[in-house]
PDB file of N, CA and C in Angstrom:
ATOM      1  N   UNK A   1     101.991  83.269  89.990  1.00  0.00           N
ATOM      2  CA  UNK A   1     101.048  82.400  89.331  1.00  0.00           C
ATOM      3  C   UNK A   1     101.302  80.932  89.674  1.00  0.00           C
ATOM      4  N   UNK A   2     102.484  80.624  90.197  1.00  0.00           N
ATOM      5  CA  UNK A   2     102.856  79.236  90.423  1.00  0.00           C
ATOM      6  C   UNK A   2     102.849  78.851  91.899  1.00  0.00           C
ATOM      7  N   UNK A   3     102.209  79.679  92.728  1.00  0.00           N
ATOM      8  CA  UNK A   3     102.081  79.414  94.164  1.00  0.00           C
ATOM      9  C   UNK A   3     103.415  79.208  94.868  1.00  0.00           C
ATOM     10  N   UNK A   4     104.383  80.014  94.527  1.00  0.00           N
ATOM     11  CA  UNK A   4     105.695  79.974  95.180  1.00  0.00           C
ATOM     12  C   UNK A   4     106.144  81.406  95.464  1.00  0.00           C
ATOM     13  N   UNK A   5     106.966  81.547  96.485  1.00  0.00           N
ATOM     14  CA  UNK A   5     107.569  82.847  96.763  1.00  0.00           C
ATOM     15  C   UNK A   5     108.578  83.175  95.676  1.00  0.00           C
ATOM     16  N   UNK A   6     108.715  84.462  95.392  1.00  0.00           N
ATOM     17  CA  UNK A   6     109.669  84.894  94.371  1.00  0.00           C
ATOM     18  C   UNK A   6     110.411  86.141  94.835  1.00  0.00           C
ATOM     19  N   UNK A   7     111.575  86.341  94.260  1.00  0.00           N
ATOM     20  CA  UNK A   7     112.359  87.544  94.469  1.00  0.00           C
ATOM     21  C   UNK A   7     112.384  88.286  93.139  1.00  0.00           C
ATOM     22  N   UNK A   8     111.868  89.510  93.148  1.00  0.00           N
ATOM     23  CA  UNK A   8     111.798  90.314  91.927  1.00  0.00           C
ATOM     24  C   UNK A   8     112.881  91.388  92.012  1.00  0.00           C
ATOM     25  N   UNK A   9     113.658  91.531  90.964  1.00  0.00           N
ATOM     26  CA  UNK A   9     114.696  92.560  90.900  1.00  0.00           C
ATOM     27  C   UNK A   9     114.304  93.596  89.862  1.00  0.00           C
ATOM     28  N   UNK A  10     114.612  94.857  90.163  1.00  0.00           N
ATOM     29  CA  UNK A  10     114.300  95.936  89.232  1.00  0.00           C
ATOM     30  C   UNK A  10     115.380  96.999  89.345  1.00  0.00           C
ATOM     31  N   UNK A  11     115.819  97.503  88.209  1.00  0.00           N
ATOM     32  CA  UNK A  11     116.774  98.601  88.186  1.00  0.00           C
ATOM     33  C   UNK A  11     115.994  99.903  88.187  1.00  0.00           C
ATOM     34  N   UNK A  12     116.181 100.706  89.225  1.00  0.00           N
ATOM     35  CA  UNK A  12     115.488 101.986  89.336  1.00  0.00           C
ATOM     36  C   UNK A  12     116.065 102.948  88.300  1.00  0.00           C
ATOM     37  N   UNK A  13     115.222 103.438  87.426  1.00  0.00           N
ATOM     38  CA  UNK A  13     115.665 104.312  86.336  1.00  0.00           C
ATOM     39  C   UNK A  13     116.182 105.661  86.836  1.00  0.00           C
ATOM     40  N   UNK A  14     115.697 106.117  87.984  1.00  0.00           N
ATOM     41  CA  UNK A  14     116.097 107.433  88.487  1.00  0.00           C
ATOM     42  C   UNK A  14     117.411 107.387  89.247  1.00  0.00           C
ATOM     43  N   UNK A  15     117.558 106.392  90.123  1.00  0.00           N
ATOM     44  CA  UNK A  15     118.757 106.328  90.969  1.00  0.00           C
ATOM     45  C   UNK A  15     119.794 105.334  90.471  1.00  0.00           C
ATOM     46  N   UNK A  16     119.461 104.551  89.438  1.00  0.00           N
ATOM     47  CA  UNK A  16     120.350 103.517  88.899  1.00  0.00           C
ATOM     48  C   UNK A  16     120.724 102.499  89.990  1.00  0.00           C
ATOM     49  N   UNK A  17     119.774 102.228  90.875  1.00  0.00           N
ATOM     50  CA  UNK A  17     119.966 101.295  91.983  1.00  0.00           C
ATOM     51  C   UNK A  17     119.214 100.009  91.689  1.00  0.00           C
ATOM     52  N   UNK A  18     119.851  98.883  92.004  1.00  0.00           N
ATOM     53  CA  UNK A  18     119.190  97.595  91.864  1.00  0.00           C
ATOM     54  C   UNK A  18     118.348  97.363  93.116  1.00  0.00           C
ATOM     55  N   UNK A  19     117.043  97.194  92.926  1.00  0.00           N
ATOM     56  CA  UNK A  19     116.122  97.015  94.044  1.00  0.00           C
ATOM     57  C   UNK A  19     115.538  95.614  94.008  1.00  0.00           C
ATOM     58  N   UNK A  20     115.193  95.103  95.193  1.00  0.00           N
ATOM     59  CA  UNK A  20     114.616  93.766  95.305  1.00  0.00           C
ATOM     60  C   UNK A  20     113.307  93.819  96.073  1.00  0.00           C
ATOM     61  N   UNK A  21     112.376  92.981  95.662  1.00  0.00           N
ATOM     62  CA  UNK A  21     111.075  92.873  96.306  1.00  0.00           C
ATOM     63  C   UNK A  21     110.766  91.391  96.479  1.00  0.00           C
ATOM     64  N   UNK A  22     110.472  90.998  97.704  1.00  0.00           N
ATOM     65  CA  UNK A  22     110.135  89.600  97.988  1.00  0.00           C
ATOM     66  C   UNK A  22     108.615  89.464  97.977  1.00  0.00           C
ATOM     67  N   UNK A  23     108.113  88.546  97.151  1.00  0.00           N
ATOM     68  CA  UNK A  23     106.680  88.284  97.074  1.00  0.00           C
ATOM     69  C   UNK A  23     106.428  86.891  97.639  1.00  0.00           C
ATOM     70  N   UNK A  24     105.607  86.828  98.674  1.00  0.00           N
ATOM     71  CA  UNK A  24     105.269  85.542  99.281  1.00  0.00           C
ATOM     72  C   UNK A  24     104.228  84.822  98.432  1.00  0.00           C
ATOM     73  N   UNK A  25     104.149  83.537  98.606  1.00  0.00           N
ATOM     74  CA  UNK A  25     103.139  82.748  97.903  1.00  0.00           C
ATOM     75  C   UNK A  25     101.751  83.165  98.390  1.00  0.00           C
ATOM     76  N   UNK A  26     100.741  83.098  97.541  1.00  0.00           N
ATOM     77  CA  UNK A  26      99.377  83.401  97.982  1.00  0.00           C
ATOM     78  C   UNK A  26      99.003  82.509  99.166  1.00  0.00           C
ATOM     79  N   UNK A  27      98.312  83.116 100.129  1.00  0.00           N
ATOM     80  CA  UNK A  27      97.992  82.389 101.354  1.00  0.00           C
ATOM     81  C   UNK A  27      96.541  82.686 101.756  1.00  0.00           C
ATOM     82  N   UNK A  28      95.711  81.661 101.860  1.00  0.00           N
ATOM     83  CA  UNK A  28      94.303  81.893 102.218  1.00  0.00           C
ATOM     84  C   UNK A  28      94.121  82.416 103.646  1.00  0.00           C
ATOM     85  N   UNK A  29      95.158  82.357 104.474  1.00  0.00           N
ATOM     86  CA  UNK A  29      95.059  82.886 105.838  1.00  0.00           C
ATOM     87  C   UNK A  29      95.115  84.412 105.860  1.00  0.00           C
ATOM     88  N   UNK A  30      95.582  85.022 104.768  1.00  0.00           N
ATOM     89  CA  UNK A  30      95.657  86.482 104.698  1.00  0.00           C
ATOM     90  C   UNK A  30      94.290  87.071 104.376  1.00  0.00           C
ATOM     91  N   UNK A  31      94.116  88.310 104.795  1.00  0.00           N
ATOM     92  CA  UNK A  31      92.896  89.046 104.462  1.00  0.00           C
ATOM     93  C   UNK A  31      92.811  89.157 102.941  1.00  0.00           C
ATOM     94  N   UNK A  32      91.669  88.815 102.390  1.00  0.00           N
ATOM     95  CA  UNK A  32      91.492  88.868 100.939  1.00  0.00           C
ATOM     96  C   UNK A  32      91.273  90.321 100.514  1.00  0.00           C
ATOM     97  N   UNK A  33      92.094  90.774  99.589  1.00  0.00           N
ATOM     98  CA  UNK A  33      91.983  92.145  99.080  1.00  0.00           C
ATOM     99  C   UNK A  33      91.541  92.087  97.623  1.00  0.00           C
ATOM    100  N   UNK A  34      91.113  93.218  97.102  1.00  0.00           N
ATOM    101  CA  UNK A  34      90.720  93.289  95.695  1.00  0.00           C
ATOM    102  C   UNK A  34      91.921  93.019  94.805  1.00  0.00           C
ATOM    103  N   UNK A  35      91.670  92.440  93.655  1.00  0.00           N
ATOM    104  CA  UNK A  35      92.745  92.162  92.697  1.00  0.00           C
ATOM    105  C   UNK A  35      93.314  93.468  92.158  1.00  0.00           C
ATOM    106  N   UNK A  36      94.598  93.436  91.848  1.00  0.00           N
ATOM    107  CA  UNK A  36      95.252  94.603  91.249  1.00  0.00           C
ATOM    108  C   UNK A  36      94.653  94.874  89.878  1.00  0.00           C
ATOM    109  N   UNK A  37      94.680  96.118  89.472  1.00  0.00           N
ATOM    110  CA  UNK A  37      94.218  96.486  88.134  1.00  0.00           C
ATOM    111  C   UNK A  37      95.157  95.914  87.075  1.00  0.00           C
ATOM    112  N   UNK A  38      94.632  95.694  85.900  1.00  0.00           N
ATOM    113  CA  UNK A  38      95.458  95.208  84.791  1.00  0.00           C
ATOM    114  C   UNK A  38      96.557  96.206  84.431  1.00  0.00           C
ATOM    115  N   UNK A  39      96.351  97.463  84.737  1.00  0.00           N
ATOM    116  CA  UNK A  39      97.324  98.498  84.380  1.00  0.00           C
ATOM    117  C   UNK A  39      98.411  98.682  85.436  1.00  0.00           C
ATOM    118  N   UNK A  40      98.291  98.011  86.584  1.00  0.00           N
ATOM    119  CA  UNK A  40      99.289  98.147  87.639  1.00  0.00           C
ATOM    120  C   UNK A  40     100.608  97.525  87.183  1.00  0.00           C
ATOM    121  N   UNK A  41     101.676  98.314  87.262  1.00  0.00           N
ATOM    122  CA  UNK A  41     102.992  97.831  86.870  1.00  0.00           C
ATOM    123  C   UNK A  41     103.770  97.399  88.102  1.00  0.00           C
ATOM    124  N   UNK A  42     104.779  96.564  87.903  1.00  0.00           N
ATOM    125  CA  UNK A  42     105.578  96.082  89.028  1.00  0.00           C
ATOM    126  C   UNK A  42     106.277  97.249  89.726  1.00  0.00           C
ATOM    127  N   UNK A  43     106.609  98.293  88.990  1.00  0.00           N
ATOM    128  CA  UNK A  43     107.236  99.463  89.619  1.00  0.00           C
ATOM    129  C   UNK A  43     106.286 100.125  90.615  1.00  0.00           C
ATOM    130  N   UNK A  44     104.972 100.056  90.358  1.00  0.00           N
ATOM    131  CA  UNK A  44     103.989 100.594  91.299  1.00  0.00           C
ATOM    132  C   UNK A  44     103.989  99.784  92.598  1.00  0.00           C
ATOM    133  N   UNK A  45     104.113  98.470  92.480  1.00  0.00           N
ATOM    134  CA  UNK A  45     104.169  97.614  93.665  1.00  0.00           C
ATOM    135  C   UNK A  45     105.451  97.880  94.452  1.00  0.00           C
ATOM    136  N   UNK A  46     106.568  98.088  93.760  1.00  0.00           N
ATOM    137  CA  UNK A  46     107.820  98.455  94.421  1.00  0.00           C
ATOM    138  C   UNK A  46     107.633  99.749  95.217  1.00  0.00           C
ATOM    139  N   UNK A  47     107.043 100.754  94.591  1.00  0.00           N
ATOM    140  CA  UNK A  47     106.854 102.054  95.240  1.00  0.00           C
ATOM    141  C   UNK A  47     105.961 101.933  96.469  1.00  0.00           C
ATOM    142  N   UNK A  48     104.867 101.193  96.360  1.00  0.00           N
ATOM    143  CA  UNK A  48     103.975 101.006  97.509  1.00  0.00           C
ATOM    144  C   UNK A  48     104.686 100.284  98.645  1.00  0.00           C
ATOM    145  N   UNK A  49     105.452  99.262  98.312  1.00  0.00           N
ATOM    146  CA  UNK A  49     106.168  98.501  99.341  1.00  0.00           C
ATOM    147  C   UNK A  49     107.239  99.353 100.011  1.00  0.00           C
ATOM    148  N   UNK A  50     107.921 100.185  99.256  1.00  0.00           N
ATOM    149  CA  UNK A  50     108.926 101.073  99.854  1.00  0.00           C
ATOM    150  C   UNK A  50     108.274 102.106 100.769  1.00  0.00           C
ATOM    151  N   UNK A  51     107.108 102.576 100.404  1.00  0.00           N
ATOM    152  CA  UNK A  51     106.383 103.572 101.193  1.00  0.00           C
ATOM    153  C   UNK A  51     105.776 102.965 102.454  1.00  0.00           C
ATOM    154  N   UNK A  52     105.132 101.788 102.313  1.00  0.00           N
ATOM    155  CA  UNK A  52     104.375 101.183 103.399  1.00  0.00           C
ATOM    156  C   UNK A  52     105.147 100.097 104.153  1.00  0.00           C
ATOM    157  N   UNK A  53     106.184  99.561 103.545  1.00  0.00           N
ATOM    158  CA  UNK A  53     106.989  98.529 104.193  1.00  0.00           C
ATOM    159  C   UNK A  53     106.490  97.119 103.953  1.00  0.00           C
ATOM    160  N   UNK A  54     105.203  96.934 103.906  1.00  0.00           N
ATOM    161  CA  UNK A  54     104.606  95.624 103.690  1.00  0.00           C
ATOM    162  C   UNK A  54     103.271  95.850 102.984  1.00  0.00           C
ATOM    163  N   UNK A  55     103.071  95.177 101.863  1.00  0.00           N
ATOM    164  CA  UNK A  55     101.869  95.401 101.065  1.00  0.00           C
ATOM    165  C   UNK A  55     101.144  94.073 100.850  1.00  0.00           C
ATOM    166  N   UNK A  56      99.862  94.054 101.171  1.00  0.00           N
ATOM    167  CA  UNK A  56      99.029  92.905 100.844  1.00  0.00           C
ATOM    168  C   UNK A  56      98.392  93.190  99.492  1.00  0.00           C
ATOM    169  N   UNK A  57      98.536  92.254  98.578  1.00  0.00           N
ATOM    170  CA  UNK A  57      98.000  92.454  97.228  1.00  0.00           C
ATOM    171  C   UNK A  57      97.490  91.116  96.707  1.00  0.00           C
ATOM    172  N   UNK A  58      96.778  91.177  95.577  1.00  0.00           N
ATOM    173  CA  UNK A  58      96.286  89.945  94.959  1.00  0.00           C
ATOM    174  C   UNK A  58      96.277  90.111  93.451  1.00  0.00           C
ATOM    175  N   UNK A  59      96.810  89.108  92.793  1.00  0.00           N
ATOM    176  CA  UNK A  59      96.770  89.052  91.333  1.00  0.00           C
ATOM    177  C   UNK A  59      95.385  88.575  90.915  1.00  0.00           C
ATOM    178  N   UNK A  60      94.948  88.962  89.751  1.00  0.00           N
ATOM    179  CA  UNK A  60      93.621  88.542  89.302  1.00  0.00           C
ATOM    180  C   UNK A  60      93.547  87.033  89.080  1.00  0.00           C
ATOM    181  N   UNK A  61      94.688  86.365  89.001  1.00  0.00           N
ATOM    182  CA  UNK A  61      94.711  84.921  88.777  1.00  0.00           C
ATOM    183  C   UNK A  61      94.665  84.119  90.078  1.00  0.00           C
ATOM    184  N   UNK A  62      94.758  84.793  91.209  1.00  0.00           N
ATOM    185  CA  UNK A  62      94.846  84.111  92.507  1.00  0.00           C
ATOM    186  C   UNK A  62      93.542  84.219  93.272  1.00  0.00           C
ATOM    187  N   UNK A  63      93.224  83.165  94.027  1.00  0.00           N
ATOM    188  CA  UNK A  63      92.070  83.200  94.927  1.00  0.00           C
ATOM    189  C   UNK A  63      92.425  83.862  96.252  1.00  0.00           C
ATOM    190  N   UNK A  64      93.695  83.785  96.636  1.00  0.00           N
ATOM    191  CA  UNK A  64      94.143  84.311  97.930  1.00  0.00           C
ATOM    192  C   UNK A  64      95.091  85.489  97.724  1.00  0.00           C
ATOM    193  N   UNK A  65      95.236  86.281  98.773  1.00  0.00           N
ATOM    194  CA  UNK A  65      96.148  87.424  98.748  1.00  0.00           C
ATOM    195  C   UNK A  65      97.577  86.976  99.020  1.00  0.00           C
ATOM    196  N   UNK A  66      98.500  87.883  98.755  1.00  0.00           N
ATOM    197  CA  UNK A  66      99.919  87.660  98.986  1.00  0.00           C
ATOM    198  C   UNK A  66     100.495  88.907  99.646  1.00  0.00           C
ATOM    199  N   UNK A  67     101.731  88.794 100.097  1.00  0.00           N
ATOM    200  CA  UNK A  67     102.401  89.923 100.743  1.00  0.00           C
ATOM    201  C   UNK A  67     103.694  90.220  99.997  1.00  0.00           C
ATOM    202  N   UNK A  68     103.956  91.508  99.794  1.00  0.00           N
ATOM    203  CA  UNK A  68     105.209  91.961  99.189  1.00  0.00           C
ATOM    204  C   UNK A  68     105.936  92.836 100.197  1.00  0.00           C
ATOM    205  N   UNK A  69     107.240  92.631 100.302  1.00  0.00           N
ATOM    206  CA  UNK A  69     108.024  93.526 101.153  1.00  0.00           C
ATOM    207  C   UNK A  69     109.376  93.788 100.493  1.00  0.00           C
ATOM    208  N   UNK A  70     109.839  95.040 100.609  1.00  0.00           N
ATOM    209  CA  UNK A  70     111.112  95.397  99.969  1.00  0.00           C
ATOM    210  C   UNK A  70     112.286  94.862 100.782  1.00  0.00           C
ATOM    211  N   UNK A  71     113.336  94.524 100.079  1.00  0.00           N
ATOM    212  CA  UNK A  71     114.593  94.148 100.723  1.00  0.00           C
ATOM    213  C   UNK A  71     115.471  95.390 100.663  1.00  0.00           C
ATOM    214  N   UNK A  72     115.967  95.850 101.809  1.00  0.00           N
ATOM    215  CA  UNK A  72     116.737  97.101 101.818  1.00  0.00           C
ATOM    216  C   UNK A  72     117.944  97.051 100.883  1.00  0.00           C
ATOM    217  N   UNK A  73     118.231  98.188 100.291  1.00  0.00           N
ATOM    218  CA  UNK A  73     119.373  98.324  99.393  1.00  0.00           C
ATOM    219  C   UNK A  73     120.643  98.360 100.226  1.00  0.00           C
ATOM    220  N   UNK A  74     121.628  97.584  99.832  1.00  0.00           N
ATOM    221  CA  UNK A  74     122.904  97.568 100.531  1.00  0.00           C
ATOM    222  C   UNK A  74     123.741  98.752 100.089  1.00  0.00           C
ATOM    223  N   UNK A  75     124.136  99.565 101.035  1.00  0.00           N
ATOM    224  CA  UNK A  75     125.006 100.704 100.767  1.00  0.00           C
ATOM    225  C   UNK A  75     126.316 100.466 101.505  1.00  0.00           C
ATOM    226  N   UNK A  76     127.433 100.233 100.796  1.00  0.00           N
ATOM    227  CA  UNK A  76     128.697  99.994 101.487  1.00  0.00           C
ATOM    228  C   UNK A  76     129.160 101.230 102.250  1.00  0.00           C
ATOM    229  N   UNK A  77     129.864 101.004 103.326  1.00  0.00           N
ATOM    230  CA  UNK A  77     130.400 102.112 104.114  1.00  0.00           C
ATOM    231  C   UNK A  77     131.469 102.833 103.289  1.00  0.00           C
ATOM    232  N   UNK A  78     131.453 104.145 103.297  1.00  0.00           N
ATOM    233  CA  UNK A  78     132.444 104.887 102.509  1.00  0.00           C
ATOM    234  C   UNK A  78     133.841 104.754 103.127  1.00  0.00           C
ATOM    235  N   UNK A  79     134.816 104.509 102.284  1.00  0.00           N
ATOM    236  CA  UNK A  79     136.214 104.484 102.698  1.00  0.00           C
ATOM    237  C   UNK A  79     136.476 103.618 103.931  1.00  0.00           C
ATOM    238  N   UNK A  80     135.957 102.427 103.911  1.00  0.00           N
ATOM    239  CA  UNK A  80     136.189 101.512 105.019  1.00  0.00           C
ATOM    240  C   UNK A  80     137.603 100.965 104.920  1.00  0.00           C
ATOM    241  N   UNK A  81     138.332 101.070 106.006  1.00  0.00           N
ATOM    242  CA  UNK A  81     139.696 100.564 106.031  1.00  0.00           C
ATOM    243  C   UNK A  81     139.700  99.138 106.552  1.00  0.00           C
ATOM    244  N   UNK A  82     140.486  98.307 105.935  1.00  0.00           N
ATOM    245  CA  UNK A  82     140.621  96.936 106.430  1.00  0.00           C
ATOM    246  C   UNK A  82     141.511  96.926 107.660  1.00  0.00           C
ATOM    247  N   UNK A  83     141.553  95.843 108.320  1.00  0.00           N
ATOM    248  CA  UNK A  83     142.382  95.711 109.519  1.00  0.00           C
ATOM    249  C   UNK A  83     143.851  95.952 109.193  1.00  0.00           C
ATOM    250  N   UNK A  84     144.322  95.411 108.070  1.00  0.00           N
ATOM    251  CA  UNK A  84     145.731  95.555 107.689  1.00  0.00           C
ATOM    252  C   UNK A  84     146.058  97.011 107.319  1.00  0.00           C
ATOM    253  N   UNK A  85     145.100  97.725 106.715  1.00  0.00           N
ATOM    254  CA  UNK A  85     145.345  99.109 106.315  1.00  0.00           C
ATOM    255  C   UNK A  85     145.561 100.035 107.494  1.00  0.00           C
ATOM    256  N   UNK A  86     145.097  99.672 108.650  1.00  0.00           N
ATOM    257  CA  UNK A  86     145.275 100.516 109.850  1.00  0.00           C
ATOM    258  C   UNK A  86     146.745 100.656 110.243  1.00  0.00           C
ATOM    259  N   UNK A  87     147.570  99.699 109.852  1.00  0.00           N
ATOM    260  CA  UNK A  87     148.979  99.710 110.237  1.00  0.00           C
ATOM    261  C   UNK A  87     149.866 100.441 109.225  1.00  0.00           C
ATOM    262  N   UNK A  88     149.314 100.807 108.040  1.00  0.00           N
ATOM    263  CA  UNK A  88     150.111 101.414 106.990  1.00  0.00           C
ATOM    264  C   UNK A  88     149.667 102.838 106.690  1.00  0.00           C
ATOM    265  N   UNK A  89     149.192 103.543 107.641  1.00  0.00           N
ATOM    266  CA  UNK A  89     148.732 104.899 107.370  1.00  0.00           C
ATOM    267  C   UNK A  89     149.703 105.857 107.831  1.00  0.00           C
TER     268      UNK A  89
END
């Protein structure tokens, strides 16, 4: 609503994973799409972005469309040994 990019965080109830979605500021250079329904929840936008990779959407308060894209979840490598640990095995 404030014409700025935002980072939205959501805790996935099923996987207990913290997910992030980057929403760009509305831009008149983008193809204008229909406004989202009032019943559309942010979790629906997360799901669409995860499925499609990049989603063009528009809030009913905006004249221009915006783009949402998911930020991949960081998964640490299992049992990663540090450099020093290699000498003490």
